Protein backbone atom coordinates (compact mmCIF):
# COMPACT_ATOMS: atom_id res chain seq x y z
CA MET A 1 52.63 -175.38 -163.16
CA GLU A 2 53.93 -171.84 -163.55
CA ILE A 3 53.67 -170.21 -166.96
CA PRO A 4 56.82 -168.26 -167.95
CA PRO A 5 56.22 -164.54 -168.44
CA LYS A 6 55.83 -163.29 -171.96
CA SER A 7 57.66 -160.33 -173.40
CA PRO A 8 55.86 -157.54 -175.30
CA ASP A 9 56.62 -159.19 -178.64
CA GLY A 10 54.91 -162.43 -177.53
CA SER A 11 57.99 -164.61 -177.05
CA GLU A 12 58.49 -166.42 -173.77
CA LYS A 13 61.33 -165.48 -171.46
CA SER A 14 63.58 -168.16 -170.05
CA PRO A 15 64.15 -168.46 -166.28
CA GLN A 16 67.72 -167.24 -166.81
CA SER A 17 66.46 -163.95 -168.20
CA LYS A 18 64.67 -163.27 -164.91
CA GLU A 19 68.04 -163.28 -163.14
CA LEU A 20 69.48 -160.76 -165.58
CA LEU A 21 66.81 -158.16 -164.88
CA PRO A 22 68.13 -155.26 -162.82
CA SER A 23 66.71 -155.05 -159.35
CA ASN A 24 65.73 -151.78 -157.74
CA THR A 25 66.97 -152.63 -154.29
CA ALA A 26 69.38 -150.44 -152.39
CA SER A 27 71.83 -153.29 -152.04
CA THR A 28 72.74 -153.06 -155.72
CA LEU A 29 73.76 -149.44 -155.45
CA CYS A 30 77.47 -148.93 -155.11
CA ILE A 31 78.37 -145.61 -153.56
CA SER A 32 82.02 -144.68 -153.55
CA SER A 33 83.55 -142.40 -150.96
CA ARG A 34 83.94 -139.62 -153.52
CA SER A 35 80.33 -139.61 -154.67
CA GLU A 36 79.05 -139.99 -151.13
CA SER A 37 80.38 -136.57 -150.16
CA VAL A 38 78.57 -135.03 -153.12
CA TRP A 39 75.17 -136.33 -152.04
CA THR A 40 75.45 -135.72 -148.31
CA SER A 41 75.56 -132.14 -147.19
CA GLU A 42 76.29 -132.88 -143.54
CA SER A 43 79.58 -131.54 -142.25
CA ARG A 44 82.25 -134.03 -141.29
CA SER A 45 84.49 -133.78 -138.26
CA LYS A 46 88.15 -132.80 -138.56
CA TRP A 47 89.17 -136.37 -137.73
CA ASP A 48 87.08 -137.74 -140.62
CA ILE A 49 88.66 -135.25 -143.01
CA TYR A 50 92.29 -135.55 -141.93
CA ARG A 51 92.36 -139.19 -140.75
CA LYS A 52 94.17 -140.67 -143.75
CA PRO A 53 96.97 -138.08 -143.98
CA ILE A 54 97.59 -138.33 -140.24
CA ILE A 55 97.85 -142.12 -140.44
CA VAL A 56 100.22 -141.89 -143.44
CA MET A 57 102.40 -139.35 -141.59
CA SER A 58 102.44 -141.49 -138.44
CA VAL A 59 103.48 -144.60 -140.34
CA GLY A 60 106.09 -142.59 -142.23
CA ALA A 61 107.54 -141.17 -139.02
CA ALA A 62 107.66 -144.64 -137.44
CA VAL A 63 109.41 -146.15 -140.46
CA PHE A 64 111.80 -143.19 -140.58
CA LEU A 65 112.72 -143.64 -136.90
CA LEU A 66 113.18 -147.36 -137.43
CA GLY A 67 115.51 -146.53 -140.29
CA VAL A 68 117.49 -144.19 -138.03
CA VAL A 69 117.83 -146.94 -135.41
CA ILE A 70 118.88 -149.57 -137.95
CA THR A 71 121.34 -147.20 -139.61
CA SER A 72 122.87 -146.37 -136.23
CA LEU A 73 123.15 -150.11 -135.51
CA SER A 74 125.40 -150.44 -138.55
CA CYS A 75 127.94 -148.23 -136.78
CA ILE A 76 128.15 -150.70 -133.90
CA GLU A 77 130.25 -153.83 -134.37
CA LEU A 78 127.70 -156.57 -135.22
CA THR A 79 127.76 -159.79 -137.22
CA ASN A 80 125.24 -158.70 -139.89
CA LYS A 81 126.67 -155.23 -140.48
CA ASP A 82 126.04 -155.33 -144.26
CA VAL A 83 122.34 -156.09 -143.76
CA TYR A 84 121.96 -153.08 -141.49
CA LYS A 85 123.80 -150.86 -143.99
CA MET A 86 121.36 -151.89 -146.75
CA CYS A 87 118.09 -151.89 -144.80
CA GLY A 88 118.69 -148.72 -142.78
CA PRO A 89 118.87 -146.23 -145.66
CA ALA A 90 115.99 -147.98 -147.44
CA LEU A 91 113.76 -147.55 -144.40
CA LEU A 92 114.96 -143.96 -143.98
CA SER A 93 113.96 -143.08 -147.54
CA MET A 94 110.61 -144.90 -147.39
CA GLY A 95 109.71 -143.28 -144.09
CA LEU A 96 110.70 -139.84 -145.32
CA MET A 97 108.66 -140.35 -148.49
CA LEU A 98 105.53 -141.30 -146.53
CA LEU A 99 106.04 -138.42 -144.11
CA VAL A 100 106.33 -135.86 -146.92
CA TYR A 101 103.40 -137.44 -148.77
CA GLY A 102 101.17 -136.96 -145.74
CA LEU A 103 102.43 -133.40 -145.19
CA VAL A 104 101.62 -132.46 -148.80
CA TRP A 105 98.22 -134.15 -148.64
CA ILE A 106 96.93 -131.82 -145.90
CA PRO A 107 97.13 -128.55 -147.92
CA ILE A 108 95.46 -130.31 -150.85
CA ILE A 109 92.53 -131.30 -148.60
CA ARG A 110 92.30 -127.74 -147.24
CA LYS A 111 92.20 -126.32 -150.78
CA LYS A 112 89.42 -128.74 -151.76
CA GLN A 113 87.44 -127.80 -148.64
CA LYS A 114 87.68 -124.11 -149.58
CA GLN A 115 86.59 -124.84 -153.15
CA ARG A 116 83.51 -126.68 -151.89
CA GLN A 117 82.52 -123.69 -149.78
CA LYS A 118 82.57 -121.27 -152.72
CA SER A 119 79.34 -120.67 -154.53
CA PRO A 120 78.79 -122.51 -157.84
CA LEU A 121 77.90 -119.22 -159.58
CA LEU A 122 81.26 -117.68 -158.63
CA GLN A 123 83.10 -120.76 -159.87
CA ARG A 124 81.27 -120.61 -163.23
CA LEU A 125 82.08 -116.92 -163.66
CA LYS A 126 85.69 -117.51 -162.74
CA SER A 127 86.05 -120.38 -165.21
CA PHE A 128 84.31 -118.33 -167.93
CA PHE A 129 86.74 -115.42 -167.66
CA PHE A 130 89.98 -117.30 -166.96
CA ASN A 131 89.61 -120.31 -169.28
CA ARG A 132 89.63 -118.39 -172.56
């Protein structure tokens, strides 16, 4: 029969307390995409850096073009003309919003890349003089 482990104060630990102990395995570590870039110094490819904005712009352009097609269908004599008049402008605006969102995201990424390349000493001096 197995004897339960004793704590430093002499009391016995229950089997449930064993499960609550933190394990030191790598599987319990949760690394987010933001913190991962801090710990790895390897350079990423352009596709890895700009993948998300390109996908957002592509989806936005596709939705925008679909909105143009549906809006132009409302000009043609069809049975569901009111549906086309409502859905077309909605898709136009959503597509344009996604397209502009992706276009604005790219300069933000470029600015962050430049900030990472600057030396930490220069950034500290800059913040010391300009944040007064």
